[in-house]
Amino acid sequence: MSLPNAELLLSPWILALLGLCIGSFLNVVVHRLPLMLDRGWWGDVSLQLADAQAHQRVFGTAPSATTMETGKSLASALSTLGPLNLTHPRSRCPSCGHMIVWHENIPVLSYLRLRGRCAACKTRISPRYPLVEVLTGALFAAVGWRFGAEPTSLLWCFVVAMLIALAAIDWDTTLLPDNLTLPLLWAGLMASVLGWTIPLPQAIWGAVLGYLSLWSVYWLFKLTTGKEGMGYGDFKLLAALGAWLGWQMILPIVLGASIIGAVVGIAMKLSSSLREGRYVPFGPFLAGGGIVVMLAGQQRVLGWLGWA
């Protein structure tokens, strides 16, 4: 790509427009991926209930007729559901089933034109849809300003998109799917191998330190309290951030995420908006800390901490 073309196609303004479109797709990912995973897990349950040999190995007895019938009934119920993936079926209103046509799916503009309501039944559309689009567009533009008109800017836009999706899914479901965390981790290591990001030793040790740091905290908390303070998805997410940003950035990310998470948690407690179980997922704050560190740059972050 020649320099003039790169400066145009990878300018912050073009990346912002790309981010708006990617943000629209991220809304689909955030909504559908947890449902796809749930269907898969229920399918596993149906197979397990109908597996007489597995039941015999675990319990030492043959499964009852009721257990076998439950497995078959569950499998039958799942088979009646229509196909579900990130492209099918087409987007529709969850209230009335109205199929979303192309001019109702233009990022931000369609939401404003429809005044935040379904074109058919006038049910309110969540404002989070345009907010995700605007956030993605703004962060893509920030990546353009931070990294310049270089092809590697697209790599960092990919990281931003994955982190936004993971943060939103974790906030909704307290899940950080392997479908997203593991590709992000391996992509970070591959980008380092190809010389596109940080040196490979920094990436490898970043992944190792990212995983083991939260893994250690998890087990220390569990052994002392008997409770689980976080999930394994948090370990994998921080490992992925370490693979992209290096081992030096692990502590700044965790510190920033902990401070912001504590502030948000206290605010939610004071406003009585904590969900059942009185927990706040940590993934969104890890993702946010990672984005801040990425945009600030390693030298600036180390300077903030007095380590430069």
C-alpha atoms as a PDB file:
ATOM      1  CA  MET A   1       0.000   0.000   0.000  1.00  0.00           C
ATOM      2  CA  SER A   2       1.533   3.317  -1.060  1.00  0.00           C
ATOM      3  CA  LEU A   3       1.915   5.997   1.571  1.00  0.00           C
ATOM      4  CA  PRO A   4      -0.795   8.361   0.198  1.00  0.00           C
ATOM      5  CA  ASN A   5      -3.296   5.513   0.038  1.00  0.00           C
ATOM      6  CA  ALA A   6      -2.327   4.354   3.514  1.00  0.00           C
ATOM      7  CA  GLU A   7      -2.772   7.821   4.951  1.00  0.00           C
ATOM      8  CA  LEU A   8      -6.256   7.954   3.479  1.00  0.00           C
ATOM      9  CA  LEU A   9      -7.497   4.408   4.087  1.00  0.00           C
ATOM     10  CA  LEU A  10      -5.968   4.136   7.559  1.00  0.00           C
ATOM     11  CA  SER A  11      -6.760   7.659   8.678  1.00  0.00           C
ATOM     12  CA  PRO A  12      -8.608   8.075  11.979  1.00  0.00           C
ATOM     13  CA  TRP A  13     -11.738   9.195  10.121  1.00  0.00           C
ATOM     14  CA  ILE A  14     -11.886   6.109   7.906  1.00  0.00           C
ATOM     15  CA  LEU A  15     -11.102   3.869  10.878  1.00  0.00           C
ATOM     16  CA  ALA A  16     -13.927   5.561  12.795  1.00  0.00           C
ATOM     17  CA  LEU A  17     -16.364   4.699   9.998  1.00  0.00           C
ATOM     18  CA  LEU A  18     -15.028   1.143   9.969  1.00  0.00           C
ATOM     19  CA  GLY A  19     -15.485   1.032  13.736  1.00  0.00           C
ATOM     20  CA  LEU A  20     -19.131   2.055  13.469  1.00  0.00           C
ATOM     21  CA  CYS A  21     -19.762  -0.868  11.113  1.00  0.00           C
ATOM     22  CA  ILE A  22     -17.745  -3.301  13.232  1.00  0.00           C
ATOM     23  CA  GLY A  23     -19.610  -2.066  16.308  1.00  0.00           C
ATOM     24  CA  SER A  24     -22.900  -2.997  14.646  1.00  0.00           C
ATOM     25  CA  PHE A  25     -21.555  -6.524  14.134  1.00  0.00           C
ATOM     26  CA  LEU A  26     -20.272  -6.648  17.713  1.00  0.00           C
ATOM     27  CA  ASN A  27     -23.834  -6.077  18.912  1.00  0.00           C
ATOM     28  CA  VAL A  28     -24.768  -9.274  17.091  1.00  0.00           C
ATOM     29  CA  VAL A  29     -21.836 -11.141  18.629  1.00  0.00           C
ATOM     30  CA  VAL A  30     -22.684  -9.950  22.145  1.00  0.00           C
ATOM     31  CA  HIS A  31     -26.301 -11.042  21.778  1.00  0.00           C
ATOM     32  CA  ARG A  32     -25.905 -14.315  19.889  1.00  0.00           C
ATOM     33  CA  LEU A  33     -22.644 -15.886  21.012  1.00  0.00           C
ATOM     34  CA  PRO A  34     -23.870 -16.608  24.583  1.00  0.00           C
ATOM     35  CA  LEU A  35     -27.060 -18.121  23.131  1.00  0.00           C
ATOM     36  CA  MET A  36     -25.012 -20.270  20.765  1.00  0.00           C
ATOM     37  CA  LEU A  37     -22.880 -21.473  23.668  1.00  0.00           C
ATOM     38  CA  ASP A  38     -25.970 -22.208  25.775  1.00  0.00           C
ATOM     39  CA  ARG A  39     -27.436 -24.319  22.995  1.00  0.00           C
ATOM     40  CA  GLY A  40     -24.189 -26.236  22.663  1.00  0.00           C
ATOM     41  CA  TRP A  41     -24.010 -26.896  26.403  1.00  0.00           C
ATOM     42  CA  TRP A  42     -27.625 -28.074  26.532  1.00  0.00           C
ATOM     43  CA  GLY A  43     -26.820 -30.356  23.606  1.00  0.00           C
ATOM     44  CA  ASP A  44     -23.927 -31.806  25.615  1.00  0.00           C
ATOM     45  CA  VAL A  45     -26.291 -32.364  28.553  1.00  0.00           C
ATOM     46  CA  SER A  46     -28.759 -34.237  26.352  1.00  0.00           C
ATOM     47  CA  LEU A  47     -26.008 -36.485  25.012  1.00  0.00           C
ATOM     48  CA  GLN A  48     -24.665 -37.143  28.499  1.00  0.00           C
ATOM     49  CA  LEU A  49     -28.074 -38.052  29.898  1.00  0.00           C
ATOM     50  CA  ALA A  50     -28.608 -40.512  27.075  1.00  0.00           C
ATOM     51  CA  ASP A  51     -25.123 -42.075  27.408  1.00  0.00           C
ATOM     52  CA  ALA A  52     -25.740 -45.314  29.297  1.00  0.00           C
ATOM     53  CA  GLN A  53     -22.060 -46.308  29.316  1.00  0.00           C
ATOM     54  CA  ALA A  54     -20.958 -42.992  30.819  1.00  0.00           C
ATOM     55  CA  HIS A  55     -23.648 -43.287  33.501  1.00  0.00           C
ATOM     56  CA  GLN A  56     -22.432 -46.789  34.324  1.00  0.00           C
ATOM     57  CA  ARG A  57     -18.806 -45.593  34.641  1.00  0.00           C
ATOM     58  CA  VAL A  58     -19.678 -42.669  36.919  1.00  0.00           C
ATOM     59  CA  PHE A  59     -22.463 -44.073  39.098  1.00  0.00           C
ATOM     60  CA  GLY A  60     -21.835 -47.790  38.830  1.00  0.00           C
ATOM     61  CA  THR A  61     -25.411 -48.477  37.764  1.00  0.00           C
ATOM     62  CA  ALA A  62     -27.412 -48.357  34.569  1.00  0.00           C
ATOM     63  CA  PRO A  63     -29.356 -45.096  34.020  1.00  0.00           C
ATOM     64  CA  SER A  64     -33.009 -45.091  34.859  1.00  0.00           C
ATOM     65  CA  ALA A  65     -35.623 -44.933  32.139  1.00  0.00           C
ATOM     66  CA  THR A  66     -36.480 -41.418  33.308  1.00  0.00           C
ATOM     67  CA  THR A  67     -32.886 -40.230  32.833  1.00  0.00           C
ATOM     68  CA  MET A  68     -32.685 -41.711  29.346  1.00  0.00           C
ATOM     69  CA  GLU A  69     -36.050 -40.254  28.406  1.00  0.00           C
ATOM     70  CA  THR A  70     -35.053 -36.821  29.716  1.00  0.00           C
ATOM     71  CA  GLY A  71     -31.970 -36.863  27.506  1.00  0.00           C
ATOM     72  CA  LYS A  72     -34.002 -37.832  24.453  1.00  0.00           C
ATOM     73  CA  SER A  73     -36.678 -35.227  25.186  1.00  0.00           C
ATOM     74  CA  LEU A  74     -34.065 -32.517  25.567  1.00  0.00           C
ATOM     75  CA  ALA A  75     -32.406 -33.503  22.294  1.00  0.00           C
ATOM     76  CA  SER A  76     -35.799 -33.453  20.587  1.00  0.00           C
ATOM     77  CA  ALA A  77     -36.575 -29.984  21.951  1.00  0.00           C
ATOM     78  CA  LEU A  78     -33.213 -28.663  20.743  1.00  0.00           C
ATOM     79  CA  SER A  79     -33.817 -30.083  17.274  1.00  0.00           C
ATOM     80  CA  THR A  80     -36.952 -27.959  16.922  1.00  0.00           C
ATOM     81  CA  LEU A  81     -34.981 -24.735  17.301  1.00  0.00           C
ATOM     82  CA  GLY A  82     -34.009 -22.945  14.144  1.00  0.00           C
ATOM     83  CA  PRO A  83     -30.382 -22.453  13.096  1.00  0.00           C
ATOM     84  CA  LEU A  84     -28.476 -19.858  15.065  1.00  0.00           C
ATOM     85  CA  ASN A  85     -25.065 -18.429  14.267  1.00  0.00           C
ATOM     86  CA  LEU A  86     -23.564 -14.995  13.751  1.00  0.00           C
ATOM     87  CA  THR A  87     -25.101 -14.612  10.282  1.00  0.00           C
ATOM     88  CA  HIS A  88     -28.365 -16.560  10.463  1.00  0.00           C
ATOM     89  CA  PRO A  89     -31.163 -15.855  11.014  1.00  0.00           C
ATOM     90  CA  ARG A  90     -31.416 -12.252   9.953  1.00  0.00           C
ATOM     91  CA  SER A  91     -31.747  -9.698  12.733  1.00  0.00           C
ATOM     92  CA  ARG A  92     -35.293  -9.121  13.911  1.00  0.00           C
ATOM     93  CA  CYS A  93     -37.202  -7.371  16.664  1.00  0.00           C
ATOM     94  CA  PRO A  94     -37.330  -9.662  19.719  1.00  0.00           C
ATOM     95  CA  SER A  95     -40.794  -8.326  20.606  1.00  0.00           C
ATOM     96  CA  CYS A  96     -42.738  -8.648  17.356  1.00  0.00           C
ATOM     97  CA  GLY A  97     -40.383 -10.565  15.061  1.00  0.00           C
ATOM     98  CA  HIS A  98     -40.165  -7.738  12.516  1.00  0.00           C
ATOM     99  CA  MET A  99     -37.285  -8.465  10.117  1.00  0.00           C
ATOM    100  CA  ILE A 100     -34.729  -5.653  10.197  1.00  0.00           C
ATOM    101  CA  VAL A 101     -34.215  -4.284   6.677  1.00  0.00           C
ATOM    102  CA  TRP A 102     -30.967  -2.684   5.537  1.00  0.00           C
ATOM    103  CA  HIS A 103     -32.017   0.935   6.044  1.00  0.00           C
ATOM    104  CA  GLU A 104     -33.028   0.125   9.626  1.00  0.00           C
ATOM    105  CA  ASN A 105     -29.561  -1.268  10.331  1.00  0.00           C
ATOM    106  CA  ILE A 106     -27.299   1.671   9.503  1.00  0.00           C
ATOM    107  CA  PRO A 107     -25.049   2.284  12.518  1.00  0.00           C
ATOM    108  CA  VAL A 108     -26.311   5.080  14.804  1.00  0.00           C
ATOM    109  CA  LEU A 109     -28.266   6.831  12.026  1.00  0.00           C
ATOM    110  CA  SER A 110     -31.028   4.231  11.905  1.00  0.00           C
ATOM    111  CA  TYR A 111     -31.417   4.384  15.685  1.00  0.00           C
ATOM    112  CA  LEU A 112     -31.787   8.167  15.517  1.00  0.00           C
ATOM    113  CA  ARG A 113     -34.180   8.023  12.571  1.00  0.00           C
ATOM    114  CA  LEU A 114     -36.364   5.442  14.313  1.00  0.00           C
ATOM    115  CA  ARG A 115     -36.122   7.435  17.562  1.00  0.00           C
ATOM    116  CA  GLY A 116     -34.942   4.360  19.383  1.00  0.00           C
ATOM    117  CA  ARG A 117     -38.019   2.264  18.641  1.00  0.00           C
ATOM    118  CA  CYS A 118     -38.914  -0.705  16.434  1.00  0.00           C
ATOM    119  CA  ALA A 119     -40.310   0.386  13.078  1.00  0.00           C
ATOM    120  CA  ALA A 120     -43.183  -2.103  13.391  1.00  0.00           C
ATOM    121  CA  CYS A 121     -44.270  -2.420  17.021  1.00  0.00           C
ATOM    122  CA  LYS A 122     -42.601   0.724  18.439  1.00  0.00           C
ATOM    123  CA  THR A 123     -40.973  -1.254  21.241  1.00  0.00           C
ATOM    124  CA  ARG A 124     -38.019   0.617  22.709  1.00  0.00           C
ATOM    125  CA  ILE A 125     -34.612  -0.384  21.355  1.00  0.00           C
ATOM    126  CA  SER A 126     -31.839  -0.506  23.941  1.00  0.00           C
ATOM    127  CA  PRO A 127     -29.542   2.531  23.676  1.00  0.00           C
ATOM    128  CA  ARG A 128     -26.614   0.193  24.173  1.00  0.00           C
ATOM    129  CA  TYR A 129     -26.720  -0.693  20.472  1.00  0.00           C
ATOM    130  CA  PRO A 130     -25.698   2.783  19.255  1.00  0.00           C
ATOM    131  CA  LEU A 131     -23.415   3.219  22.271  1.00  0.00           C
ATOM    132  CA  VAL A 132     -21.405   0.125  21.291  1.00  0.00           C
ATOM    133  CA  GLU A 133     -21.205   1.429  17.715  1.00  0.00           C
ATOM    134  CA  VAL A 134     -20.057   4.885  18.809  1.00  0.00           C
ATOM    135  CA  LEU A 135     -17.566   3.458  21.309  1.00  0.00           C
ATOM    136  CA  THR A 136     -16.069   1.146  18.697  1.00  0.00           C
ATOM    137  CA  GLY A 137     -15.828   3.972  16.164  1.00  0.00           C
ATOM    138  CA  ALA A 138     -14.206   6.307  18.699  1.00  0.00           C
ATOM    139  CA  LEU A 139     -11.665   3.709  19.806  1.00  0.00           C
ATOM    140  CA  PHE A 140     -10.807   2.769  16.217  1.00  0.00           C
ATOM    141  CA  ALA A 141     -10.157   6.456  15.547  1.00  0.00           C
ATOM    142  CA  ALA A 142      -8.001   6.625  18.689  1.00  0.00           C
ATOM    143  CA  VAL A 143      -6.006   3.656  17.407  1.00  0.00           C
ATOM    144  CA  GLY A 144      -5.470   5.530  14.133  1.00  0.00           C
ATOM    145  CA  TRP A 145      -4.136   8.570  15.960  1.00  0.00           C
ATOM    146  CA  ARG A 146      -1.988   6.434  18.281  1.00  0.00           C
ATOM    147  CA  PHE A 147      -0.367   4.125  15.722  1.00  0.00           C
ATOM    148  CA  GLY A 148      -0.618   6.200  12.565  1.00  0.00           C
ATOM    149  CA  ALA A 149      -1.406   5.140   9.027  1.00  0.00           C
ATOM    150  CA  GLU A 150       0.256   1.747   9.339  1.00  0.00           C
ATOM    151  CA  PRO A 151      -1.179  -1.696   8.570  1.00  0.00           C
ATOM    152  CA  THR A 152      -0.530  -2.675  12.199  1.00  0.00           C
ATOM    153  CA  SER A 153      -3.276  -0.220  13.171  1.00  0.00           C
ATOM    154  CA  LEU A 154      -5.742  -2.785  11.845  1.00  0.00           C
ATOM    155  CA  LEU A 155      -4.273  -5.343  14.252  1.00  0.00           C
ATOM    156  CA  TRP A 156      -4.909  -3.053  17.200  1.00  0.00           C
ATOM    157  CA  CYS A 157      -8.418  -2.354  15.926  1.00  0.00           C
ATOM    158  CA  PHE A 158      -8.959  -6.118  16.006  1.00  0.00           C
ATOM    159  CA  VAL A 159      -7.789  -6.189  19.632  1.00  0.00           C
ATOM    160  CA  VAL A 160     -10.150  -3.327  20.527  1.00  0.00           C
ATOM    161  CA  ALA A 161     -13.120  -5.040  18.863  1.00  0.00           C
ATOM    162  CA  MET A 162     -12.453  -8.310  20.703  1.00  0.00           C
ATOM    163  CA  LEU A 163     -12.122  -6.511  24.034  1.00  0.00           C
ATOM    164  CA  ILE A 164     -15.384  -4.614  23.544  1.00  0.00           C
ATOM    165  CA  ALA A 165     -17.228  -7.841  22.735  1.00  0.00           C
ATOM    166  CA  LEU A 166     -15.698  -9.659  25.706  1.00  0.00           C
ATOM    167  CA  ALA A 167     -16.475  -6.804  28.092  1.00  0.00           C
ATOM    168  CA  ALA A 168     -20.120  -6.621  27.035  1.00  0.00           C
ATOM    169  CA  ILE A 169     -20.631 -10.396  27.148  1.00  0.00           C
ATOM    170  CA  ASP A 170     -19.020 -10.656  30.567  1.00  0.00           C
ATOM    171  CA  TRP A 171     -21.116  -7.799  31.907  1.00  0.00           C
ATOM    172  CA  ASP A 172     -24.308  -9.473  30.685  1.00  0.00           C
ATOM    173  CA  THR A 173     -23.550 -13.104  31.477  1.00  0.00           C
ATOM    174  CA  THR A 174     -20.354 -13.260  33.606  1.00  0.00           C
ATOM    175  CA  LEU A 175     -18.873 -15.366  30.798  1.00  0.00           C
ATOM    176  CA  LEU A 176     -15.622 -14.741  28.925  1.00  0.00           C
ATOM    177  CA  PRO A 177     -15.967 -17.261  26.091  1.00  0.00           C
ATOM    178  CA  ASP A 178     -12.946 -19.288  24.985  1.00  0.00           C
ATOM    179  CA  ASN A 179     -14.219 -18.613  21.448  1.00  0.00           C
ATOM    180  CA  LEU A 180     -12.893 -15.058  21.880  1.00  0.00           C
ATOM    181  CA  THR A 181     -10.198 -15.144  24.586  1.00  0.00           C
ATOM    182  CA  LEU A 182      -8.141 -17.963  23.059  1.00  0.00           C
ATOM    183  CA  PRO A 183      -8.064 -16.559  19.483  1.00  0.00           C
ATOM    184  CA  LEU A 184      -7.067 -13.203  20.984  1.00  0.00           C
ATOM    185  CA  LEU A 185      -4.251 -14.890  22.910  1.00  0.00           C
ATOM    186  CA  TRP A 186      -2.911 -16.865  19.959  1.00  0.00           C
ATOM    187  CA  ALA A 187      -3.230 -13.897  17.615  1.00  0.00           C
ATOM    188  CA  GLY A 188      -1.111 -11.847  20.016  1.00  0.00           C
ATOM    189  CA  LEU A 189       1.619 -14.486  20.059  1.00  0.00           C
ATOM    190  CA  MET A 190       1.529 -14.853  16.260  1.00  0.00           C
ATOM    191  CA  ALA A 191       1.698 -11.092  15.758  1.00  0.00           C
ATOM    192  CA  SER A 192       4.802 -11.060  17.944  1.00  0.00           C
ATOM    193  CA  VAL A 193       6.393 -13.962  16.030  1.00  0.00           C
ATOM    194  CA  LEU A 194       5.842 -12.086  12.760  1.00  0.00           C
ATOM    195  CA  GLY A 195       7.466  -8.966  14.194  1.00  0.00           C
ATOM    196  CA  TRP A 196       4.344  -6.839  14.060  1.00  0.00           C
ATOM    197  CA  THR A 197       4.107  -5.952  17.759  1.00  0.00           C
ATOM    198  CA  ILE A 198       6.380  -6.536  20.752  1.00  0.00           C
ATOM    199  CA  PRO A 199       9.415  -8.868  20.947  1.00  0.00           C
ATOM    200  CA  LEU A 200       8.464 -12.517  21.345  1.00  0.00           C
ATOM    201  CA  PRO A 201       9.979 -13.002  24.841  1.00  0.00           C
ATOM    202  CA  GLN A 202       7.865 -10.099  26.132  1.00  0.00           C
ATOM    203  CA  ALA A 203       4.746 -11.607  24.551  1.00  0.00           C
ATOM    204  CA  ILE A 204       5.377 -15.112  25.901  1.00  0.00           C
ATOM    205  CA  TRP A 205       6.159 -13.929  29.415  1.00  0.00           C
ATOM    206  CA  GLY A 206       3.228 -11.526  29.215  1.00  0.00           C
ATOM    207  CA  ALA A 207       0.887 -14.432  28.513  1.00  0.00           C
ATOM    208  CA  VAL A 208       2.444 -16.572  31.249  1.00  0.00           C
ATOM    209  CA  LEU A 209       2.468 -13.817  33.874  1.00  0.00           C
ATOM    210  CA  GLY A 210      -1.024 -12.670  32.913  1.00  0.00           C
ATOM    211  CA  TYR A 211      -2.481 -16.128  33.408  1.00  0.00           C
ATOM    212  CA  LEU A 212      -0.543 -17.156  36.511  1.00  0.00           C
ATOM    213  CA  SER A 213      -1.032 -13.867  38.361  1.00  0.00           C
ATOM    214  CA  LEU A 214      -4.818 -14.101  38.460  1.00  0.00           C
ATOM    215  CA  TRP A 215      -4.694 -17.883  38.786  1.00  0.00           C
ATOM    216  CA  SER A 216      -2.647 -17.420  41.972  1.00  0.00           C
ATOM    217  CA  VAL A 217      -5.033 -14.786  43.321  1.00  0.00           C
ATOM    218  CA  TYR A 218      -7.977 -17.079  42.559  1.00  0.00           C
ATOM    219  CA  TRP A 219      -6.542 -19.997  44.517  1.00  0.00           C
ATOM    220  CA  LEU A 220      -5.321 -17.853  47.404  1.00  0.00           C
ATOM    221  CA  PHE A 221      -8.795 -16.355  47.755  1.00  0.00           C
ATOM    222  CA  LYS A 222     -10.495 -19.736  47.441  1.00  0.00           C
ATOM    223  CA  LEU A 223      -8.235 -21.432  49.991  1.00  0.00           C
ATOM    224  CA  THR A 224      -8.711 -18.650  52.534  1.00  0.00           C
ATOM    225  CA  THR A 225     -12.432 -17.999  52.067  1.00  0.00           C
ATOM    226  CA  GLY A 226     -13.787 -21.135  50.409  1.00  0.00           C
ATOM    227  CA  LYS A 227     -15.302 -18.950  47.677  1.00  0.00           C
ATOM    228  CA  GLU A 228     -14.435 -18.303  44.043  1.00  0.00           C
ATOM    229  CA  GLY A 229     -13.584 -14.656  43.439  1.00  0.00           C
ATOM    230  CA  MET A 230     -13.290 -14.841  39.660  1.00  0.00           C
ATOM    231  CA  GLY A 231     -13.491 -17.248  36.750  1.00  0.00           C
ATOM    232  CA  TYR A 232     -10.901 -18.883  34.527  1.00  0.00           C
ATOM    233  CA  GLY A 233     -11.950 -16.595  31.685  1.00  0.00           C
ATOM    234  CA  ASP A 234     -10.328 -13.695  33.553  1.00  0.00           C
ATOM    235  CA  PHE A 235      -7.002 -15.585  33.583  1.00  0.00           C
ATOM    236  CA  LYS A 236      -7.199 -16.176  29.836  1.00  0.00           C
ATOM    237  CA  LEU A 237      -8.161 -12.583  29.089  1.00  0.00           C
ATOM    238  CA  LEU A 238      -5.212 -11.197  31.042  1.00  0.00           C
ATOM    239  CA  ALA A 239      -2.938 -13.748  29.350  1.00  0.00           C
ATOM    240  CA  ALA A 240      -4.172 -12.473  25.975  1.00  0.00           C
ATOM    241  CA  LEU A 241      -3.518  -8.868  27.009  1.00  0.00           C
ATOM    242  CA  GLY A 242      -0.029  -9.886  28.121  1.00  0.00           C
ATOM    243  CA  ALA A 243       0.629 -11.491  24.742  1.00  0.00           C
ATOM    244  CA  TRP A 244      -0.218  -8.207  22.997  1.00  0.00           C
ATOM    245  CA  LEU A 245       1.202  -5.683  25.460  1.00  0.00           C
ATOM    246  CA  GLY A 246       4.043  -7.493  27.250  1.00  0.00           C
ATOM    247  CA  TRP A 247       4.730  -8.666  30.778  1.00  0.00           C
ATOM    248  CA  GLN A 248       5.585  -5.135  31.955  1.00  0.00           C
ATOM    249  CA  MET A 249       1.987  -4.059  31.414  1.00  0.00           C
ATOM    250  CA  ILE A 250       0.342  -6.795  33.501  1.00  0.00           C
ATOM    251  CA  LEU A 251       0.574  -4.946  36.808  1.00  0.00           C
ATOM    252  CA  PRO A 252      -0.644  -1.588  35.393  1.00  0.00           C
ATOM    253  CA  ILE A 253      -3.625  -3.331  33.760  1.00  0.00           C
ATOM    254  CA  VAL A 254      -4.576  -5.146  36.976  1.00  0.00           C
ATOM    255  CA  LEU A 255      -4.096  -2.040  39.109  1.00  0.00           C
ATOM    256  CA  GLY A 256      -6.212   0.097  36.803  1.00  0.00           C
ATOM    257  CA  ALA A 257      -8.896  -2.581  36.484  1.00  0.00           C
ATOM    258  CA  SER A 258      -9.022  -3.080  40.266  1.00  0.00           C
ATOM    259  CA  ILE A 259      -9.346   0.630  41.027  1.00  0.00           C
ATOM    260  CA  ILE A 260     -12.059   1.219  38.418  1.00  0.00           C
ATOM    261  CA  GLY A 261     -13.854  -1.994  39.397  1.00  0.00           C
ATOM    262  CA  ALA A 262     -13.845  -0.990  43.065  1.00  0.00           C
ATOM    263  CA  VAL A 263     -15.250   2.450  42.282  1.00  0.00           C
ATOM    264  CA  VAL A 264     -17.985   1.001  40.057  1.00  0.00           C
ATOM    265  CA  GLY A 265     -18.792  -1.713  42.592  1.00  0.00           C
ATOM    266  CA  ILE A 266     -19.121   0.799  45.448  1.00  0.00           C
ATOM    267  CA  ALA A 267     -21.299   3.058  43.295  1.00  0.00           C
ATOM    268  CA  MET A 268     -23.551   0.120  42.374  1.00  0.00           C
ATOM    269  CA  LYS A 269     -23.773  -0.933  46.006  1.00  0.00           C
ATOM    270  CA  LEU A 270     -24.741   2.558  47.141  1.00  0.00           C
ATOM    271  CA  SER A 271     -27.378   2.735  44.403  1.00  0.00           C
ATOM    272  CA  SER A 272     -28.654  -0.793  45.222  1.00  0.00           C
ATOM    273  CA  SER A 273     -28.009  -1.894  41.640  1.00  0.00           C
ATOM    274  CA  LEU A 274     -25.760  -4.857  42.401  1.00  0.00           C
ATOM    275  CA  ARG A 275     -27.131  -8.028  40.841  1.00  0.00           C
ATOM    276  CA  GLU A 276     -28.013 -11.154  42.800  1.00  0.00           C
ATOM    277  CA  GLY A 277     -24.946 -12.489  44.581  1.00  0.00           C
ATOM    278  CA  ARG A 278     -23.596  -8.934  44.978  1.00  0.00           C
ATOM    279  CA  TYR A 279     -20.863  -9.330  42.371  1.00  0.00           C
ATOM    280  CA  VAL A 280     -19.412  -7.249  39.568  1.00  0.00           C
ATOM    281  CA  PRO A 281     -17.658  -9.091  36.711  1.00  0.00           C
ATOM    282  CA  PHE A 282     -13.956  -8.264  36.441  1.00  0.00           C
ATOM    283  CA  GLY A 283     -13.589  -8.851  32.693  1.00  0.00           C
ATOM    284  CA  PRO A 284     -14.936  -5.450  31.561  1.00  0.00           C
ATOM    285  CA  PHE A 285     -12.407  -3.661  33.768  1.00  0.00           C
ATOM    286  CA  LEU A 286      -9.526  -5.822  32.533  1.00  0.00           C
ATOM    287  CA  ALA A 287     -10.577  -5.025  28.982  1.00  0.00           C
ATOM    288  CA  GLY A 288     -10.806  -1.328  29.779  1.00  0.00           C
ATOM    289  CA  GLY A 289      -7.419  -1.355  31.493  1.00  0.00           C
ATOM    290  CA  GLY A 290      -5.909  -3.094  28.498  1.00  0.00           C
ATOM    291  CA  ILE A 291      -7.299  -0.511  26.076  1.00  0.00           C
ATOM    292  CA  VAL A 292      -6.014   2.395  28.216  1.00  0.00           C
ATOM    293  CA  VAL A 293      -2.536   0.865  28.440  1.00  0.00           C
ATOM    294  CA  MET A 294      -2.503   0.118  24.711  1.00  0.00           C
ATOM    295  CA  LEU A 295      -3.431   3.680  23.754  1.00  0.00           C
ATOM    296  CA  ALA A 296      -1.116   5.268  26.313  1.00  0.00           C
ATOM    297  CA  GLY A 297       1.906   3.225  25.268  1.00  0.00           C
ATOM    298  CA  GLN A 298       4.410   1.284  27.311  1.00  0.00           C
ATOM    299  CA  GLN A 299       6.844   4.136  27.971  1.00  0.00           C
ATOM    300  CA  ARG A 300       4.155   6.517  29.183  1.00  0.00           C
ATOM    301  CA  VAL A 301       2.590   3.916  31.468  1.00  0.00           C
ATOM    302  CA  LEU A 302       5.948   3.003  32.951  1.00  0.00           C
ATOM    303  CA  GLY A 303       6.590   6.695  33.446  1.00  0.00           C
ATOM    304  CA  TRP A 304       3.326   7.057  35.372  1.00  0.00           C
ATOM    305  CA  LEU A 305       4.515   4.306  37.701  1.00  0.00           C
ATOM    306  CA  GLY A 306       8.015   5.766  37.987  1.00  0.00           C
ATOM    307  CA  TRP A 307       9.555   2.707  36.333  1.00  0.00           C
ATOM    308  CA  ALA A 308      10.795   4.368  33.139  1.00  0.00           C
END
